[in-house]
């Protein structure tokens, strides 16, 4: 999944000839805190609500004021993970995408990112969740996969989280089987520390409901 695959036409770019009040209206309508300023194909930067209110330019064209705009973007061939990192680091609600010549191509809204993240983590797929805890040097995805596949299971998604101030990590696994007791027993036999486990009815449906509720909230 590349940045260009996440672009949507839902949210507009603004121009320097647009007024502050118009931009505020679009932010309210599309439920975002940022919008890109683009003249022709030239991306000038992201404007946010506070830029407009602090400079008291609600009734004036944006181009009449010298604004110190942040200019985050990703290139259209950058990976999905680069997009996640940019959103997370800068607390963005939209992210502009540029081509190799730094021409504006389109916009990635946070909603599109969350939808794709839900797909990648197999939130809506039936199955169980297993969370393992181990030392970093003990981590072997191939061995973990062998244990799961030995019980006729498949890994739908896997992500690793480093624990703060520790050499330990958490490995969260989404398995395609709702009945995971056999897999858990095998992990125990191999002396894995199972930090938590959830059957589909206990975890996945609840997470999907929460995700759907959140998506509905940010689209109100």
N, C-alpha and C. Protein backbone atom coordinates (compact mmCIF):
# COMPACT_ATOMS: atom_id res chain seq x y z
N UNK A 1 0.84 -1.19 0.00
CA UNK A 1 0.00 0.00 0.00
C UNK A 1 0.88 1.25 0.00
N UNK A 2 0.69 2.11 -1.01
CA UNK A 2 1.47 3.34 -1.15
C UNK A 2 0.59 4.55 -0.85
N UNK A 3 1.25 5.69 -0.64
CA UNK A 3 0.52 6.90 -0.30
C UNK A 3 -0.51 7.26 -1.37
N UNK A 4 -0.18 7.07 -2.63
CA UNK A 4 -1.10 7.44 -3.71
C UNK A 4 -2.39 6.63 -3.66
N UNK A 5 -2.33 5.43 -3.06
CA UNK A 5 -3.51 4.58 -2.98
C UNK A 5 -4.49 5.04 -1.91
N UNK A 6 -4.06 5.96 -1.04
CA UNK A 6 -4.90 6.45 0.05
C UNK A 6 -5.55 7.79 -0.26
N UNK A 7 -5.20 8.38 -1.40
CA UNK A 7 -5.75 9.69 -1.76
C UNK A 7 -7.25 9.59 -2.01
N UNK A 8 -7.99 10.57 -1.49
CA UNK A 8 -9.43 10.67 -1.76
C UNK A 8 -9.73 12.07 -2.28
N UNK A 9 -10.87 12.20 -2.91
CA UNK A 9 -11.32 13.50 -3.43
C UNK A 9 -12.34 14.16 -2.51
N UNK A 10 -12.45 13.66 -1.29
CA UNK A 10 -13.50 14.13 -0.40
C UNK A 10 -13.27 15.54 0.11
N UNK A 11 -12.01 15.90 0.34
CA UNK A 11 -11.72 17.17 1.01
C UNK A 11 -10.92 18.07 0.07
N UNK A 12 -11.28 19.35 0.00
CA UNK A 12 -10.68 20.23 -1.01
C UNK A 12 -9.34 20.81 -0.56
N UNK A 13 -8.57 21.23 -1.55
CA UNK A 13 -7.44 22.12 -1.29
C UNK A 13 -7.95 23.55 -1.41
N UNK A 14 -7.33 24.47 -0.69
CA UNK A 14 -7.75 25.87 -0.76
C UNK A 14 -6.71 26.67 -1.52
N UNK A 15 -7.09 27.87 -1.95
CA UNK A 15 -6.20 28.75 -2.72
C UNK A 15 -5.92 30.01 -1.92
N UNK A 16 -4.90 30.72 -2.31
CA UNK A 16 -4.57 31.97 -1.61
C UNK A 16 -5.63 33.03 -1.83
N UNK A 17 -6.48 32.84 -2.83
CA UNK A 17 -7.58 33.79 -3.06
C UNK A 17 -8.81 33.48 -2.22
N UNK A 18 -8.83 32.37 -1.51
CA UNK A 18 -9.95 32.04 -0.64
C UNK A 18 -9.86 32.85 0.65
N UNK A 19 -10.99 33.12 1.22
CA UNK A 19 -11.02 33.88 2.48
C UNK A 19 -10.90 32.94 3.67
N UNK A 20 -10.53 33.52 4.79
CA UNK A 20 -10.42 32.74 6.00
C UNK A 20 -11.74 32.12 6.42
N UNK A 21 -12.83 32.85 6.28
CA UNK A 21 -14.14 32.33 6.67
C UNK A 21 -14.54 31.15 5.79
N UNK A 22 -14.17 31.19 4.51
CA UNK A 22 -14.47 30.08 3.62
C UNK A 22 -13.72 28.83 4.05
N UNK A 23 -12.46 29.01 4.42
CA UNK A 23 -11.64 27.87 4.86
C UNK A 23 -12.19 27.29 6.17
N UNK A 24 -12.58 28.16 7.08
CA UNK A 24 -13.18 27.69 8.34
C UNK A 24 -14.47 26.91 8.08
N UNK A 25 -15.24 27.37 7.12
CA UNK A 25 -16.47 26.66 6.76
C UNK A 25 -16.16 25.26 6.24
N UNK A 26 -15.15 25.16 5.38
CA UNK A 26 -14.79 23.84 4.85
C UNK A 26 -14.25 22.93 5.94
N UNK A 27 -13.47 23.47 6.86
CA UNK A 27 -12.96 22.67 7.97
C UNK A 27 -14.11 22.12 8.81
N UNK A 28 -15.11 22.96 9.05
CA UNK A 28 -16.27 22.51 9.81
C UNK A 28 -17.06 21.47 9.04
N UNK A 29 -17.24 21.70 7.74
CA UNK A 29 -18.03 20.78 6.92
C UNK A 29 -17.37 19.41 6.82
N UNK A 30 -16.05 19.39 6.65
CA UNK A 30 -15.35 18.12 6.44
C UNK A 30 -14.73 17.56 7.72
N UNK A 31 -14.96 18.23 8.84
CA UNK A 31 -14.49 17.75 10.14
C UNK A 31 -12.99 17.50 10.16
N UNK A 32 -12.22 18.49 9.74
CA UNK A 32 -10.76 18.43 9.78
C UNK A 32 -10.24 19.70 10.45
N UNK A 33 -9.00 19.65 10.88
CA UNK A 33 -8.38 20.82 11.50
C UNK A 33 -7.34 21.46 10.58
N UNK A 34 -7.06 20.82 9.45
CA UNK A 34 -6.06 21.32 8.51
C UNK A 34 -6.58 21.20 7.09
N UNK A 35 -6.09 22.10 6.23
CA UNK A 35 -6.33 22.00 4.79
C UNK A 35 -5.10 22.53 4.06
N UNK A 36 -4.77 21.96 2.92
CA UNK A 36 -3.60 22.44 2.17
C UNK A 36 -3.92 23.67 1.34
N UNK A 37 -2.96 24.57 1.25
CA UNK A 37 -3.08 25.70 0.33
C UNK A 37 -2.31 25.35 -0.94
N UNK A 38 -3.00 25.37 -2.06
CA UNK A 38 -2.42 24.96 -3.34
C UNK A 38 -2.79 25.99 -4.40
N UNK A 39 -1.79 26.54 -5.08
CA UNK A 39 -2.00 27.38 -6.24
C UNK A 39 -1.53 26.64 -7.48
N UNK A 40 -2.46 26.41 -8.40
CA UNK A 40 -2.19 25.54 -9.55
C UNK A 40 -1.80 24.17 -8.98
N UNK A 41 -0.54 23.75 -9.18
CA UNK A 41 -0.08 22.48 -8.61
C UNK A 41 0.98 22.70 -7.53
N UNK A 42 1.17 23.97 -7.13
CA UNK A 42 2.20 24.27 -6.14
C UNK A 42 1.61 24.20 -4.73
N UNK A 43 2.18 23.29 -3.93
CA UNK A 43 1.74 23.12 -2.55
C UNK A 43 2.50 24.11 -1.66
N UNK A 44 1.76 25.01 -1.00
CA UNK A 44 2.38 26.05 -0.19
C UNK A 44 2.50 25.66 1.28
N UNK A 45 1.58 24.85 1.78
CA UNK A 45 1.63 24.44 3.18
C UNK A 45 0.24 24.14 3.70
N UNK A 46 0.19 23.67 4.93
CA UNK A 46 -1.07 23.38 5.60
C UNK A 46 -1.50 24.57 6.44
N UNK A 47 -2.75 24.93 6.33
CA UNK A 47 -3.30 25.97 7.19
C UNK A 47 -4.26 25.33 8.19
N UNK A 48 -4.24 25.83 9.41
CA UNK A 48 -5.14 25.30 10.44
C UNK A 48 -6.01 26.43 10.98
N UNK A 49 -6.99 26.06 11.78
CA UNK A 49 -7.95 27.03 12.30
C UNK A 49 -7.27 28.16 13.06
N UNK A 50 -6.28 27.82 13.88
CA UNK A 50 -5.62 28.85 14.69
C UNK A 50 -4.85 29.85 13.83
N UNK A 51 -4.33 29.40 12.66
CA UNK A 51 -3.66 30.35 11.76
C UNK A 51 -4.61 31.47 11.35
N UNK A 52 -5.85 31.10 11.07
CA UNK A 52 -6.84 32.08 10.62
C UNK A 52 -7.31 32.97 11.77
N UNK A 53 -7.62 32.36 12.90
CA UNK A 53 -8.15 33.12 14.03
C UNK A 53 -7.09 34.01 14.66
N UNK A 54 -5.87 33.51 14.77
CA UNK A 54 -4.81 34.31 15.39
C UNK A 54 -4.46 35.54 14.57
N UNK A 55 -4.57 35.43 13.24
CA UNK A 55 -4.25 36.55 12.37
C UNK A 55 -5.49 37.37 12.02
N UNK A 56 -6.66 36.94 12.54
CA UNK A 56 -7.92 37.66 12.32
C UNK A 56 -8.14 37.93 10.82
N UNK A 57 -8.09 36.86 10.04
CA UNK A 57 -8.22 37.01 8.59
C UNK A 57 -9.46 36.28 8.08
N UNK A 58 -10.50 36.24 8.88
CA UNK A 58 -11.70 35.51 8.47
C UNK A 58 -12.35 36.13 7.23
N UNK A 59 -12.25 37.45 7.07
CA UNK A 59 -12.91 38.11 5.94
C UNK A 59 -11.94 38.54 4.85
N UNK A 60 -10.69 38.08 4.94
CA UNK A 60 -9.69 38.48 3.97
C UNK A 60 -9.15 37.27 3.22
N UNK A 61 -8.59 37.52 2.05
CA UNK A 61 -7.95 36.45 1.28
C UNK A 61 -6.67 36.01 1.98
N UNK A 62 -6.41 34.73 1.93
CA UNK A 62 -5.24 34.19 2.62
C UNK A 62 -3.95 34.78 2.07
N UNK A 63 -3.92 35.04 0.76
CA UNK A 63 -2.69 35.52 0.13
C UNK A 63 -2.27 36.92 0.55
N UNK A 64 -3.15 37.66 1.23
CA UNK A 64 -2.82 39.01 1.66
C UNK A 64 -1.99 39.04 2.95
N UNK A 65 -1.78 37.86 3.53
CA UNK A 65 -1.06 37.78 4.79
C UNK A 65 0.12 36.82 4.66
N UNK A 66 1.17 37.16 5.37
CA UNK A 66 2.35 36.29 5.39
C UNK A 66 2.19 35.31 6.53
N UNK A 67 1.86 34.08 6.19
CA UNK A 67 1.62 33.06 7.20
C UNK A 67 2.81 32.11 7.30
N UNK A 68 3.16 31.76 8.52
CA UNK A 68 4.23 30.78 8.73
C UNK A 68 3.60 29.39 8.80
N UNK A 69 3.48 28.77 7.66
CA UNK A 69 2.76 27.50 7.56
C UNK A 69 3.72 26.32 7.67
N UNK A 70 3.29 25.28 8.37
CA UNK A 70 4.04 24.04 8.31
C UNK A 70 3.79 23.40 6.94
N UNK A 71 4.75 22.61 6.48
CA UNK A 71 4.65 22.06 5.12
C UNK A 71 4.93 20.56 5.12
N UNK A 72 4.15 19.79 5.86
CA UNK A 72 4.35 18.33 5.83
C UNK A 72 3.76 17.74 4.54
N UNK A 73 4.37 16.67 4.08
CA UNK A 73 3.84 15.96 2.92
C UNK A 73 4.54 14.61 2.81
N UNK A 74 3.99 13.74 1.99
CA UNK A 74 4.66 12.51 1.59
C UNK A 74 4.64 12.45 0.08
N UNK A 75 5.61 11.75 -0.49
CA UNK A 75 5.59 11.51 -1.92
C UNK A 75 4.64 10.36 -2.22
N UNK A 76 4.10 10.37 -3.42
CA UNK A 76 3.04 9.41 -3.75
C UNK A 76 3.52 7.96 -3.74
N UNK A 77 4.83 7.73 -3.87
CA UNK A 77 5.35 6.37 -3.87
C UNK A 77 5.83 5.92 -2.49
N UNK A 78 5.65 6.75 -1.47
CA UNK A 78 6.07 6.34 -0.13
C UNK A 78 5.10 5.32 0.45
N UNK A 79 5.62 4.52 1.37
CA UNK A 79 4.85 3.40 1.92
C UNK A 79 3.83 3.88 2.95
N UNK A 80 2.83 3.05 3.13
CA UNK A 80 1.76 3.28 4.11
C UNK A 80 2.33 3.58 5.50
N UNK A 81 3.39 2.91 5.89
CA UNK A 81 3.97 3.14 7.21
C UNK A 81 4.55 4.55 7.34
N UNK A 82 5.10 5.09 6.26
CA UNK A 82 5.59 6.48 6.30
C UNK A 82 4.43 7.45 6.53
N UNK A 83 3.28 7.13 5.95
CA UNK A 83 2.09 7.96 6.13
C UNK A 83 1.66 7.93 7.59
N UNK A 84 1.61 6.74 8.18
CA UNK A 84 1.24 6.61 9.59
C UNK A 84 2.18 7.43 10.48
N UNK A 85 3.47 7.33 10.22
CA UNK A 85 4.46 8.04 11.04
C UNK A 85 4.25 9.55 10.97
N UNK A 86 3.98 10.07 9.76
CA UNK A 86 3.78 11.50 9.60
C UNK A 86 2.52 11.96 10.34
N UNK A 87 1.43 11.23 10.19
CA UNK A 87 0.20 11.57 10.91
C UNK A 87 0.43 11.57 12.41
N UNK A 88 1.10 10.54 12.90
CA UNK A 88 1.30 10.39 14.34
C UNK A 88 2.21 11.48 14.90
N UNK A 89 3.32 11.74 14.23
CA UNK A 89 4.29 12.69 14.75
C UNK A 89 3.75 14.11 14.81
N UNK A 90 2.94 14.48 13.82
CA UNK A 90 2.49 15.86 13.70
C UNK A 90 1.03 16.07 14.11
N UNK A 91 0.35 14.99 14.51
CA UNK A 91 -1.05 15.08 14.94
C UNK A 91 -1.93 15.73 13.85
N UNK A 92 -1.82 15.21 12.64
CA UNK A 92 -2.52 15.78 11.50
C UNK A 92 -3.90 15.16 11.33
N UNK A 93 -4.76 15.89 10.63
CA UNK A 93 -6.05 15.34 10.22
C UNK A 93 -6.10 15.09 8.71
N UNK A 94 -5.18 15.71 7.97
CA UNK A 94 -5.01 15.45 6.54
C UNK A 94 -3.52 15.50 6.24
N UNK A 95 -3.12 14.86 5.12
CA UNK A 95 -1.72 14.86 4.73
C UNK A 95 -1.63 14.99 3.20
N UNK A 96 -0.99 16.05 2.70
CA UNK A 96 -0.84 16.22 1.26
C UNK A 96 0.14 15.20 0.66
N UNK A 97 -0.10 14.87 -0.59
CA UNK A 97 0.74 13.93 -1.34
C UNK A 97 1.29 14.66 -2.57
N UNK A 98 2.60 14.55 -2.79
CA UNK A 98 3.26 15.21 -3.91
C UNK A 98 3.89 14.19 -4.84
N UNK A 99 4.12 14.60 -6.10
CA UNK A 99 4.85 13.73 -7.02
C UNK A 99 6.34 14.01 -6.91
N UNK A 100 7.15 13.37 -7.76
CA UNK A 100 8.61 13.50 -7.65
C UNK A 100 9.07 14.92 -7.94
N UNK A 101 8.26 15.70 -8.64
CA UNK A 101 8.60 17.09 -8.93
C UNK A 101 8.01 18.05 -7.90
N UNK A 102 7.49 17.49 -6.83
CA UNK A 102 6.88 18.22 -5.71
C UNK A 102 5.64 19.00 -6.16
N UNK A 103 4.94 18.48 -7.16
CA UNK A 103 3.63 19.01 -7.52
C UNK A 103 2.57 18.33 -6.66
N UNK A 104 1.56 19.10 -6.30
CA UNK A 104 0.47 18.56 -5.47
C UNK A 104 -0.34 17.54 -6.26
N UNK A 105 -0.53 16.36 -5.66
CA UNK A 105 -1.28 15.28 -6.31
C UNK A 105 -2.65 15.11 -5.67
N UNK A 106 -2.72 15.17 -4.37
CA UNK A 106 -3.98 14.97 -3.68
C UNK A 106 -3.79 14.93 -2.18
N UNK A 107 -4.82 14.48 -1.48
CA UNK A 107 -4.87 14.58 -0.03
C UNK A 107 -5.27 13.25 0.59
N UNK A 108 -4.60 12.89 1.68
CA UNK A 108 -4.98 11.72 2.46
C UNK A 108 -5.65 12.21 3.74
N UNK A 109 -6.93 11.92 3.96
CA UNK A 109 -7.56 12.27 5.23
C UNK A 109 -7.30 11.19 6.28
N UNK A 110 -7.38 11.57 7.52
CA UNK A 110 -7.16 10.61 8.60
C UNK A 110 -8.13 9.45 8.53
N UNK A 111 -9.36 9.71 8.09
CA UNK A 111 -10.35 8.63 7.99
C UNK A 111 -9.90 7.54 7.04
N UNK A 112 -9.28 7.92 5.91
CA UNK A 112 -8.80 6.92 4.94
C UNK A 112 -7.67 6.10 5.55
N UNK A 113 -6.82 6.76 6.33
CA UNK A 113 -5.72 6.05 6.98
C UNK A 113 -6.27 5.02 7.97
N UNK A 114 -7.27 5.42 8.76
CA UNK A 114 -7.84 4.52 9.76
C UNK A 114 -8.55 3.34 9.11
N UNK A 115 -9.22 3.59 7.99
CA UNK A 115 -9.89 2.51 7.28
C UNK A 115 -8.88 1.49 6.79
N UNK A 116 -7.79 1.97 6.24
CA UNK A 116 -6.77 1.05 5.73
C UNK A 116 -6.09 0.31 6.87
N UNK A 117 -5.86 1.00 7.99
CA UNK A 117 -5.25 0.34 9.15
C UNK A 117 -6.16 -0.77 9.66
N UNK A 118 -7.46 -0.53 9.65
CA UNK A 118 -8.41 -1.56 10.06
C UNK A 118 -8.31 -2.79 9.17
N UNK A 119 -8.13 -2.57 7.87
CA UNK A 119 -8.00 -3.68 6.93
C UNK A 119 -6.71 -4.46 7.17
N UNK A 120 -5.61 -3.73 7.34
CA UNK A 120 -4.30 -4.37 7.52
C UNK A 120 -4.26 -5.19 8.80
N UNK A 121 -4.89 -4.71 9.86
CA UNK A 121 -4.87 -5.42 11.13
C UNK A 121 -5.99 -6.47 11.22
N UNK A 122 -6.74 -6.66 10.12
CA UNK A 122 -7.77 -7.70 10.04
C UNK A 122 -8.81 -7.56 11.14
N UNK A 123 -9.19 -6.31 11.45
CA UNK A 123 -10.15 -6.06 12.51
C UNK A 123 -11.48 -6.76 12.26
N UNK A 124 -11.94 -6.73 11.03
CA UNK A 124 -13.26 -7.28 10.72
C UNK A 124 -13.25 -8.78 10.42
N UNK A 125 -12.07 -9.38 10.36
CA UNK A 125 -11.97 -10.81 10.07
C UNK A 125 -12.24 -11.63 11.34
N UNK A 126 -12.95 -12.76 11.22
CA UNK A 126 -13.16 -13.63 12.40
C UNK A 126 -11.86 -14.27 12.85
N UNK A 127 -11.74 -14.48 14.15
CA UNK A 127 -10.53 -15.11 14.67
C UNK A 127 -10.28 -14.74 16.12
N UNK A 128 -9.12 -15.11 16.60
CA UNK A 128 -8.73 -14.85 17.98
C UNK A 128 -7.50 -13.97 18.06
N UNK A 129 -7.24 -13.45 19.25
CA UNK A 129 -6.09 -12.59 19.51
C UNK A 129 -5.21 -13.24 20.56
N UNK A 130 -3.91 -13.26 20.30
CA UNK A 130 -2.94 -13.74 21.28
C UNK A 130 -1.85 -12.68 21.44
N UNK A 131 -1.55 -12.31 22.68
CA UNK A 131 -0.48 -11.36 22.96
C UNK A 131 0.62 -12.08 23.73
N UNK A 132 1.80 -12.13 23.13
CA UNK A 132 2.96 -12.77 23.75
C UNK A 132 3.91 -11.70 24.28
N UNK A 133 4.61 -12.04 25.35
CA UNK A 133 5.66 -11.17 25.86
C UNK A 133 6.96 -11.95 25.90
N UNK A 134 8.05 -11.32 25.42
CA UNK A 134 9.33 -12.03 25.37
C UNK A 134 10.46 -11.02 25.31
N UNK A 135 11.67 -11.51 25.51
CA UNK A 135 12.85 -10.68 25.30
C UNK A 135 13.04 -10.45 23.80
N UNK A 136 13.60 -9.30 23.47
CA UNK A 136 13.78 -8.95 22.06
C UNK A 136 14.58 -10.02 21.32
N UNK A 137 15.64 -10.54 21.94
CA UNK A 137 16.50 -11.49 21.23
C UNK A 137 15.85 -12.87 21.09
N UNK A 138 14.74 -13.10 21.77
CA UNK A 138 14.04 -14.38 21.64
C UNK A 138 12.97 -14.35 20.55
N UNK A 139 12.74 -13.19 19.97
CA UNK A 139 11.66 -13.07 18.99
C UNK A 139 12.02 -13.76 17.69
N UNK A 140 11.17 -14.68 17.27
CA UNK A 140 11.33 -15.39 16.00
C UNK A 140 9.95 -15.58 15.39
N UNK A 141 9.64 -14.79 14.39
CA UNK A 141 8.32 -14.89 13.75
C UNK A 141 8.14 -16.24 13.08
N UNK A 142 9.23 -16.80 12.55
CA UNK A 142 9.12 -18.10 11.88
C UNK A 142 8.71 -19.19 12.87
N UNK A 143 9.28 -19.16 14.08
CA UNK A 143 8.90 -20.16 15.07
C UNK A 143 7.47 -19.96 15.54
N UNK A 144 7.08 -18.71 15.73
CA UNK A 144 5.71 -18.41 16.14
C UNK A 144 4.74 -18.90 15.08
N UNK A 145 5.06 -18.65 13.80
CA UNK A 145 4.20 -19.08 12.70
C UNK A 145 4.10 -20.60 12.65
N UNK A 146 5.21 -21.29 12.90
CA UNK A 146 5.20 -22.76 12.90
C UNK A 146 4.27 -23.31 13.97
N UNK A 147 4.29 -22.69 15.15
CA UNK A 147 3.42 -23.14 16.23
C UNK A 147 1.96 -22.97 15.84
N UNK A 148 1.63 -21.83 15.28
CA UNK A 148 0.25 -21.55 14.90
C UNK A 148 -0.19 -22.44 13.73
N UNK A 149 0.66 -22.57 12.73
CA UNK A 149 0.32 -23.39 11.57
C UNK A 149 0.26 -24.87 11.94
N UNK A 150 1.01 -25.26 12.98
CA UNK A 150 0.95 -26.64 13.44
C UNK A 150 -0.40 -27.02 14.02
N UNK A 151 -1.19 -26.00 14.39
CA UNK A 151 -2.55 -26.22 14.88
C UNK A 151 -3.57 -25.80 13.83
N UNK A 152 -3.14 -25.83 12.57
CA UNK A 152 -4.01 -25.49 11.43
C UNK A 152 -4.51 -24.06 11.48
N UNK A 153 -3.70 -23.17 12.04
CA UNK A 153 -4.06 -21.76 12.08
C UNK A 153 -3.19 -20.94 11.14
N UNK A 154 -3.60 -19.72 10.89
CA UNK A 154 -2.84 -18.79 10.07
C UNK A 154 -2.79 -17.44 10.78
N UNK A 155 -1.68 -16.72 10.61
CA UNK A 155 -1.56 -15.38 11.16
C UNK A 155 -2.17 -14.40 10.17
N UNK A 156 -3.20 -13.69 10.61
CA UNK A 156 -3.83 -12.68 9.77
C UNK A 156 -3.12 -11.34 9.88
N UNK A 157 -2.63 -11.03 11.05
CA UNK A 157 -1.84 -9.81 11.25
C UNK A 157 -0.94 -9.99 12.46
N UNK A 158 0.14 -9.24 12.47
CA UNK A 158 1.11 -9.33 13.58
C UNK A 158 1.78 -7.97 13.72
N UNK A 159 1.84 -7.48 14.96
CA UNK A 159 2.65 -6.29 15.17
C UNK A 159 3.38 -6.40 16.51
N UNK A 160 4.54 -5.73 16.56
CA UNK A 160 5.45 -5.84 17.70
C UNK A 160 5.55 -4.49 18.37
N UNK A 161 5.45 -4.49 19.69
CA UNK A 161 5.51 -3.27 20.48
C UNK A 161 6.61 -3.39 21.52
N UNK A 162 7.58 -2.46 21.51
CA UNK A 162 8.64 -2.46 22.51
C UNK A 162 8.12 -1.89 23.81
N UNK A 163 8.38 -2.57 24.90
CA UNK A 163 7.94 -2.09 26.21
C UNK A 163 8.91 -1.02 26.72
N UNK A 164 8.40 0.06 27.29
CA UNK A 164 9.28 1.16 27.74
C UNK A 164 10.21 0.71 28.86
N UNK A 165 11.45 1.22 28.80
CA UNK A 165 12.46 0.95 29.83
C UNK A 165 12.65 -0.54 30.05
N UNK A 166 12.67 -1.28 28.95
CA UNK A 166 12.78 -2.73 29.06
C UNK A 166 13.36 -3.29 27.77
N UNK A 167 13.92 -4.49 27.86
CA UNK A 167 14.39 -5.20 26.67
C UNK A 167 13.32 -6.18 26.17
N UNK A 168 12.14 -6.10 26.76
CA UNK A 168 11.06 -6.99 26.37
C UNK A 168 10.16 -6.34 25.31
N UNK A 169 9.46 -7.21 24.59
CA UNK A 169 8.53 -6.75 23.57
C UNK A 169 7.21 -7.50 23.73
N UNK A 170 6.16 -6.91 23.20
CA UNK A 170 4.87 -7.58 23.07
C UNK A 170 4.62 -7.89 21.61
N UNK A 171 4.18 -9.09 21.35
CA UNK A 171 3.84 -9.51 19.99
C UNK A 171 2.34 -9.80 19.96
N UNK A 172 1.60 -9.00 19.23
CA UNK A 172 0.15 -9.17 19.13
C UNK A 172 -0.19 -9.88 17.83
N UNK A 173 -0.88 -10.99 17.95
CA UNK A 173 -1.19 -11.84 16.80
C UNK A 173 -2.69 -11.95 16.60
N UNK A 174 -3.14 -11.72 15.39
CA UNK A 174 -4.53 -12.01 15.03
C UNK A 174 -4.53 -13.33 14.27
N UNK A 175 -5.27 -14.31 14.79
CA UNK A 175 -5.30 -15.67 14.25
C UNK A 175 -6.64 -15.89 13.55
N UNK A 176 -6.64 -16.70 12.50
CA UNK A 176 -7.88 -16.92 11.75
C UNK A 176 -8.80 -17.95 12.40
N UNK A 177 -8.46 -18.43 13.59
CA UNK A 177 -9.29 -19.41 14.29
C UNK A 177 -9.91 -18.77 15.53
N UNK A 178 -11.19 -19.01 15.72
CA UNK A 178 -11.83 -18.51 16.93
C UNK A 178 -11.51 -19.39 18.13
N UNK A 179 -11.33 -20.67 17.90
CA UNK A 179 -10.94 -21.60 18.97
C UNK A 179 -9.41 -21.69 18.99
N UNK A 180 -8.80 -21.06 19.98
CA UNK A 180 -7.34 -20.95 20.01
C UNK A 180 -6.72 -21.67 21.20
N UNK A 181 -7.50 -22.46 21.91
CA UNK A 181 -6.96 -23.12 23.12
C UNK A 181 -5.81 -24.04 22.77
N UNK A 182 -5.90 -24.75 21.64
CA UNK A 182 -4.81 -25.64 21.24
C UNK A 182 -3.54 -24.89 20.94
N UNK A 183 -3.67 -23.74 20.30
CA UNK A 183 -2.50 -22.92 20.00
C UNK A 183 -1.88 -22.39 21.29
N UNK A 184 -2.73 -21.98 22.23
CA UNK A 184 -2.23 -21.49 23.52
C UNK A 184 -1.45 -22.57 24.26
N UNK A 185 -1.98 -23.77 24.26
CA UNK A 185 -1.30 -24.88 24.94
C UNK A 185 0.08 -25.13 24.34
N UNK A 186 0.18 -25.00 23.04
CA UNK A 186 1.47 -25.21 22.39
C UNK A 186 2.44 -24.10 22.78
N UNK A 187 1.98 -22.88 22.84
CA UNK A 187 2.85 -21.79 23.28
C UNK A 187 3.35 -22.04 24.71
N UNK A 188 2.45 -22.52 25.56
CA UNK A 188 2.86 -22.83 26.94
C UNK A 188 3.93 -23.93 26.96
N UNK A 189 3.76 -24.94 26.12
CA UNK A 189 4.74 -26.03 26.08
C UNK A 189 6.11 -25.54 25.64
N UNK A 190 6.13 -24.55 24.80
CA UNK A 190 7.40 -23.99 24.34
C UNK A 190 7.88 -22.85 25.24
N UNK A 191 7.27 -22.73 26.39
CA UNK A 191 7.68 -21.76 27.41
C UNK A 191 7.53 -20.30 26.97
N UNK A 192 6.56 -20.06 26.12
CA UNK A 192 6.22 -18.68 25.79
C UNK A 192 5.36 -18.08 26.91
N UNK A 193 5.54 -16.79 27.14
CA UNK A 193 4.68 -16.08 28.08
C UNK A 193 3.50 -15.48 27.32
N UNK A 194 2.33 -16.03 27.60
CA UNK A 194 1.11 -15.51 26.98
C UNK A 194 0.55 -14.43 27.90
N UNK A 195 0.68 -13.19 27.48
CA UNK A 195 0.25 -12.07 28.33
C UNK A 195 -1.26 -11.95 28.35
N UNK A 196 -1.89 -12.23 27.21
CA UNK A 196 -3.35 -12.15 27.14
C UNK A 196 -3.81 -12.90 25.90
N UNK A 197 -5.07 -13.33 25.93
CA UNK A 197 -5.67 -13.96 24.76
C UNK A 197 -7.16 -13.65 24.76
N UNK A 198 -7.72 -13.55 23.57
CA UNK A 198 -9.12 -13.19 23.42
C UNK A 198 -9.73 -14.01 22.30
N UNK A 199 -10.90 -14.53 22.55
CA UNK A 199 -11.66 -15.17 21.48
C UNK A 199 -12.38 -14.08 20.69
N UNK A 200 -12.84 -14.44 19.53
CA UNK A 200 -13.51 -13.48 18.66
C UNK A 200 -14.65 -12.75 19.38
N UNK A 201 -15.47 -13.49 20.10
CA UNK A 201 -16.63 -12.89 20.75
C UNK A 201 -16.22 -11.94 21.88
N UNK A 202 -15.02 -12.15 22.41
CA UNK A 202 -14.57 -11.34 23.54
C UNK A 202 -13.88 -10.06 23.09
N UNK A 203 -13.27 -10.10 21.90
CA UNK A 203 -12.39 -8.99 21.54
C UNK A 203 -12.65 -8.39 20.17
N UNK A 204 -12.63 -9.21 19.14
CA UNK A 204 -12.62 -8.67 17.78
C UNK A 204 -13.89 -7.92 17.45
N UNK A 205 -15.04 -8.48 17.80
CA UNK A 205 -16.29 -7.79 17.50
C UNK A 205 -16.37 -6.47 18.27
N UNK A 206 -15.91 -6.49 19.51
CA UNK A 206 -15.92 -5.27 20.30
C UNK A 206 -15.01 -4.21 19.70
N UNK A 207 -13.83 -4.63 19.23
CA UNK A 207 -12.92 -3.69 18.61
C UNK A 207 -13.51 -3.14 17.31
N UNK A 208 -14.17 -3.98 16.55
CA UNK A 208 -14.79 -3.51 15.31
C UNK A 208 -15.88 -2.49 15.62
N UNK A 209 -16.70 -2.78 16.66
CA UNK A 209 -17.75 -1.85 17.04
C UNK A 209 -17.17 -0.51 17.46
N UNK A 210 -16.08 -0.56 18.23
CA UNK A 210 -15.46 0.68 18.68
C UNK A 210 -14.88 1.45 17.49
N UNK A 211 -14.26 0.73 16.57
CA UNK A 211 -13.71 1.38 15.39
C UNK A 211 -14.81 2.03 14.57
N UNK A 212 -15.91 1.30 14.34
CA UNK A 212 -17.02 1.84 13.57
C UNK A 212 -17.63 3.06 14.26
N UNK A 213 -17.74 3.01 15.59
CA UNK A 213 -18.27 4.15 16.33
C UNK A 213 -17.36 5.36 16.19
N UNK A 214 -16.06 5.12 16.25
CA UNK A 214 -15.11 6.22 16.11
C UNK A 214 -15.18 6.83 14.72
N UNK A 215 -15.28 5.97 13.69
CA UNK A 215 -15.39 6.46 12.32
C UNK A 215 -16.67 7.29 12.15
N UNK A 216 -17.75 6.84 12.75
CA UNK A 216 -19.00 7.61 12.68
C UNK A 216 -18.86 8.95 13.38
N UNK A 217 -18.14 8.95 14.51
CA UNK A 217 -17.95 10.18 15.28
C UNK A 217 -17.20 11.23 14.49
N UNK A 218 -16.09 10.84 13.85
CA UNK A 218 -15.28 11.84 13.15
C UNK A 218 -15.88 12.23 11.83
N UNK A 219 -16.96 11.55 11.42
CA UNK A 219 -17.65 11.94 10.20
C UNK A 219 -18.98 12.63 10.47
N UNK A 220 -19.24 12.93 11.74
CA UNK A 220 -20.51 13.59 12.10
C UNK A 220 -20.59 14.95 11.38
